[in-house]
Amino acid sequence: MDDELDSLEQKLALLIARSDALCEANETLRRELASAKERNRAFAQRMQAASVRLDALLDRLPEAEA
């Protein structure tokens, strides 16, 4: 009986350790995802600004005659 309880205790300790590790990994992934989303938002803003500037430059070019 004591052997069974010891085995169960070891399995439970392992389960708790793995659960804690997964929680830490999940939190790390959440932070990385939030960071990636912020970088993506910043890149999208920069692309929009570049597009506006490019459109303005194109509008200033003289029309080509055929």
C-alpha atoms as a PDB file:
ATOM      1  CA  MET A   1       0.000   0.000   0.000  1.00  0.00           C
ATOM      2  CA  ASP A   2       2.817   2.401   0.873  1.00  0.00           C
ATOM      3  CA  ASP A   3       4.528   1.605  -2.439  1.00  0.00           C
ATOM      4  CA  GLU A   4       1.357   2.459  -4.324  1.00  0.00           C
ATOM      5  CA  LEU A   5       1.001   5.730  -2.453  1.00  0.00           C
ATOM      6  CA  ASP A   6       4.652   6.579  -3.096  1.00  0.00           C
ATOM      7  CA  SER A   7       4.201   5.832  -6.790  1.00  0.00           C
ATOM      8  CA  LEU A   8       1.060   7.940  -6.930  1.00  0.00           C
ATOM      9  CA  GLU A   9       2.822  10.768  -5.100  1.00  0.00           C
ATOM     10  CA  GLN A  10       5.696  10.675  -7.604  1.00  0.00           C
ATOM     11  CA  LYS A  11       3.314  10.666 -10.549  1.00  0.00           C
ATOM     12  CA  LEU A  12       1.380  13.556  -9.061  1.00  0.00           C
ATOM     13  CA  ALA A  13       4.574  15.528  -8.462  1.00  0.00           C
ATOM     14  CA  LEU A  14       5.606  14.920 -12.074  1.00  0.00           C
ATOM     15  CA  LEU A  15       2.190  15.993 -13.314  1.00  0.00           C
ATOM     16  CA  ILE A  16       2.369  19.200 -11.276  1.00  0.00           C
ATOM     17  CA  ALA A  17       5.894  19.936 -12.532  1.00  0.00           C
ATOM     18  CA  ARG A  18       4.836  19.415 -16.146  1.00  0.00           C
ATOM     19  CA  SER A  19       1.749  21.546 -15.639  1.00  0.00           C
ATOM     20  CA  ASP A  20       3.861  24.357 -14.174  1.00  0.00           C
ATOM     21  CA  ALA A  21       6.308  24.115 -17.089  1.00  0.00           C
ATOM     22  CA  LEU A  22       3.442  24.267 -19.587  1.00  0.00           C
ATOM     23  CA  CYS A  23       1.964  27.292 -17.828  1.00  0.00           C
ATOM     24  CA  GLU A  24       5.311  29.086 -18.030  1.00  0.00           C
ATOM     25  CA  ALA A  25       5.710  28.164 -21.698  1.00  0.00           C
ATOM     26  CA  ASN A  26       2.165  29.352 -22.398  1.00  0.00           C
ATOM     27  CA  GLU A  27       2.837  32.694 -20.727  1.00  0.00           C
ATOM     28  CA  THR A  28       6.038  33.097 -22.735  1.00  0.00           C
ATOM     29  CA  LEU A  29       4.134  32.376 -25.932  1.00  0.00           C
ATOM     30  CA  ARG A  30       1.444  34.893 -24.978  1.00  0.00           C
ATOM     31  CA  ARG A  31       4.091  37.597 -24.491  1.00  0.00           C
ATOM     32  CA  GLU A  32       5.793  36.693 -27.775  1.00  0.00           C
ATOM     33  CA  LEU A  33       2.473  36.778 -29.613  1.00  0.00           C
ATOM     34  CA  ALA A  34       1.606  40.173 -28.171  1.00  0.00           C
ATOM     35  CA  SER A  35       5.028  41.465 -29.205  1.00  0.00           C
ATOM     36  CA  ALA A  36       4.658  40.051 -32.719  1.00  0.00           C
ATOM     37  CA  LYS A  37       1.217  41.630 -33.057  1.00  0.00           C
ATOM     38  CA  GLU A  38       2.624  44.997 -31.985  1.00  0.00           C
ATOM     39  CA  ARG A  39       5.486  44.719 -34.505  1.00  0.00           C
ATOM     40  CA  ASN A  40       2.990  43.750 -37.210  1.00  0.00           C
ATOM     41  CA  ARG A  41       0.828  46.765 -36.348  1.00  0.00           C
ATOM     42  CA  ALA A  42       3.862  49.059 -36.513  1.00  0.00           C
ATOM     43  CA  PHE A  43       4.944  47.588 -39.868  1.00  0.00           C
ATOM     44  CA  ALA A  44       1.433  48.015 -41.245  1.00  0.00           C
ATOM     45  CA  GLN A  45       1.480  51.688 -40.217  1.00  0.00           C
ATOM     46  CA  ARG A  46       4.856  52.175 -41.863  1.00  0.00           C
ATOM     47  CA  MET A  47       3.629  50.478 -45.039  1.00  0.00           C
ATOM     48  CA  GLN A  48       0.564  52.711 -45.090  1.00  0.00           C
ATOM     49  CA  ALA A  49       2.718  55.812 -44.642  1.00  0.00           C
ATOM     50  CA  ALA A  50       5.071  54.668 -47.410  1.00  0.00           C
ATOM     51  CA  SER A  51       2.100  54.027 -49.687  1.00  0.00           C
ATOM     52  CA  VAL A  52       0.779  57.535 -49.067  1.00  0.00           C
ATOM     53  CA  ARG A  53       4.204  59.044 -49.806  1.00  0.00           C
ATOM     54  CA  LEU A  54       4.568  56.947 -52.962  1.00  0.00           C
ATOM     55  CA  ASP A  55       1.117  58.001 -54.173  1.00  0.00           C
ATOM     56  CA  ALA A  56       2.050  61.644 -53.569  1.00  0.00           C
ATOM     57  CA  LEU A  57       5.269  61.217 -55.564  1.00  0.00           C
ATOM     58  CA  LEU A  58       3.407  59.530 -58.410  1.00  0.00           C
ATOM     59  CA  ASP A  59       0.886  62.377 -58.489  1.00  0.00           C
ATOM     60  CA  ARG A  60       3.755  64.859 -58.973  1.00  0.00           C
ATOM     61  CA  LEU A  61       5.203  63.040 -62.000  1.00  0.00           C
ATOM     62  CA  PRO A  62       4.366  64.588 -65.335  1.00  0.00           C
ATOM     63  CA  GLU A  63       1.971  62.654 -67.510  1.00  0.00           C
ATOM     64  CA  ALA A  64       3.682  60.610 -70.231  1.00  0.00           C
ATOM     65  CA  GLU A  65       2.510  61.305 -73.777  1.00  0.00           C
ATOM     66  CA  ALA A  66       1.906  58.359 -76.054  1.00  0.00           C
END
